[in-house]
Protein backbone atom coordinates (compact mmCIF):
# COMPACT_ATOMS: atom_id res chain seq x y z
CA MET A 1 132.99 251.47 -11.00
CA SER A 2 134.55 251.04 -7.59
CA THR A 3 138.08 249.79 -7.12
CA VAL A 4 138.89 247.07 -4.66
CA THR A 5 142.07 247.50 -2.69
CA ALA A 6 143.80 244.94 -0.56
CA PRO A 7 144.12 245.78 3.11
CA LYS A 8 147.51 247.05 4.13
CA ALA A 9 149.47 244.97 6.52
CA THR A 10 150.36 246.89 9.61
CA GLN A 11 153.27 246.01 11.77
CA SER A 12 153.82 247.45 15.15
CA ASP A 13 156.88 246.84 17.24
CA GLU A 14 154.78 245.50 20.10
CA ALA A 15 152.96 242.89 18.02
CA THR A 16 155.95 241.31 16.35
CA PRO A 17 157.43 238.43 18.28
CA THR A 18 161.04 238.78 19.28
CA SER A 19 163.32 235.80 19.20
CA ARG A 20 165.53 235.19 22.19
CA LYS A 21 169.19 234.94 21.50
CA PRO A 22 170.88 231.93 23.05
CA PRO A 23 173.49 232.67 25.69
CA THR A 24 177.07 233.06 24.59
CA ARG A 25 179.50 230.28 25.46
CA PHE A 26 181.08 232.34 28.24
CA GLN A 27 177.80 233.60 29.72
CA VAL A 28 176.55 232.18 33.01
CA ARG A 29 172.78 232.38 33.48
CA GLU A 30 171.07 232.68 36.85
CA ASN A 31 168.89 230.04 38.52
CA ILE A 32 170.01 227.09 36.41
CA PRO A 33 169.36 223.56 37.68
CA ALA A 34 172.22 221.44 38.96
CA PRO A 35 173.32 218.61 36.64
CA GLY A 36 172.46 215.98 39.26
CA THR A 37 168.77 216.95 39.40
CA ALA A 38 166.00 215.65 37.17
CA GLU A 39 165.65 219.03 35.44
CA GLY A 40 169.40 219.35 35.01
CA ALA A 41 169.88 215.98 33.30
CA TYR A 42 168.54 217.33 30.00
CA PHE A 43 169.26 221.04 30.51
CA HIS A 44 171.81 222.48 28.08
CA TYR A 45 174.65 224.31 29.81
CA THR A 46 177.09 226.72 28.21
CA PRO A 47 180.77 225.81 28.58
CA ALA A 48 181.13 228.50 31.27
CA GLU A 49 178.20 227.02 33.21
CA ALA A 50 179.55 223.48 32.86
CA ALA A 51 182.96 224.66 34.09
CA GLU A 52 181.37 225.46 37.45
CA TRP A 53 180.91 221.72 38.12
CA LEU A 54 184.00 220.38 36.38
CA PRO A 55 187.74 220.73 37.10
CA PHE A 56 188.28 222.46 33.73
CA GLY A 57 187.79 226.00 32.52
CA ALA A 58 185.44 226.96 29.68
CA HIS A 59 188.29 227.27 27.16
CA LYS A 60 189.64 223.83 28.06
CA LEU A 61 186.16 222.29 27.74
CA LEU A 62 185.76 223.83 24.27
CA LYS A 63 189.17 222.52 23.17
CA MET A 64 188.42 219.04 24.51
CA ALA A 65 184.99 218.99 22.84
CA ASN A 66 186.45 220.10 19.50
CA ALA A 67 189.06 217.32 19.80
CA ARG A 68 186.22 214.84 20.56
CA GLN A 69 187.81 213.91 23.90
CA ILE A 70 184.64 214.50 25.95
CA PRO A 71 180.91 214.08 25.27
CA TYR A 72 178.95 217.20 24.34
CA VAL A 73 175.79 218.34 22.55
CA ASP A 74 176.30 219.76 19.05
CA ASN A 75 173.40 222.04 18.18
CA GLY A 76 174.44 223.57 14.91
CA ASN A 77 177.51 225.68 15.44
CA ARG A 78 177.38 225.83 19.24
CA ILE A 79 178.80 223.46 21.81
CA TRP A 80 176.57 222.72 24.79
CA PHE A 81 176.82 220.28 27.68
CA SER A 82 173.82 218.45 29.10
CA GLY A 83 173.67 217.40 32.73
CA MET A 84 174.35 213.82 31.62
CA ASN A 85 177.43 215.02 29.71
CA ILE A 86 178.73 216.82 32.80
CA ARG A 87 178.27 213.69 34.91
CA ALA A 88 179.97 211.53 32.24
CA ILE A 89 182.95 213.90 32.05
CA SER A 90 183.19 213.88 35.83
CA GLU A 91 183.22 210.07 35.87
CA GLN A 92 185.70 209.95 32.98
CA PHE A 93 188.29 211.92 34.94
CA THR A 94 187.61 210.42 38.37
CA VAL A 95 190.60 208.58 39.79
CA GLU A 96 189.78 205.83 42.22
CA PRO A 97 191.82 205.78 45.43
CA PHE A 98 194.75 203.37 45.47
CA THR A 99 194.30 200.37 47.72
CA LYS A 100 197.20 198.23 48.73
CA PRO A 101 196.88 194.61 47.67
CA ALA A 102 196.47 192.06 50.41
CA PRO A 103 199.75 190.41 51.44
CA ALA A 104 200.27 187.08 49.75
CA ALA A 105 200.25 184.04 52.02
CA ALA A 106 203.63 182.34 52.19
């Protein structure tokens, strides 16, 4: 009587897929699209990357996002900013130049 054995699963380090870790919130990646481009509109930026185009630092952006003062993308436990969010924040804090009213006719 012959015994039947199940094949053993082999795992090699080269065959197993590795998952990429997302960038940290203070990491700035290279060759990222600008928020004003078509690719950048939906690209998710870290707070440090978004701070390059906004008048706030990464810490300030995180505080404002946690206080729900600015739009952001909430993917689980990380705060991201899309290109559309960066443009909305920029418009939110844009101050229009003051124009003097026309003199009233007497």
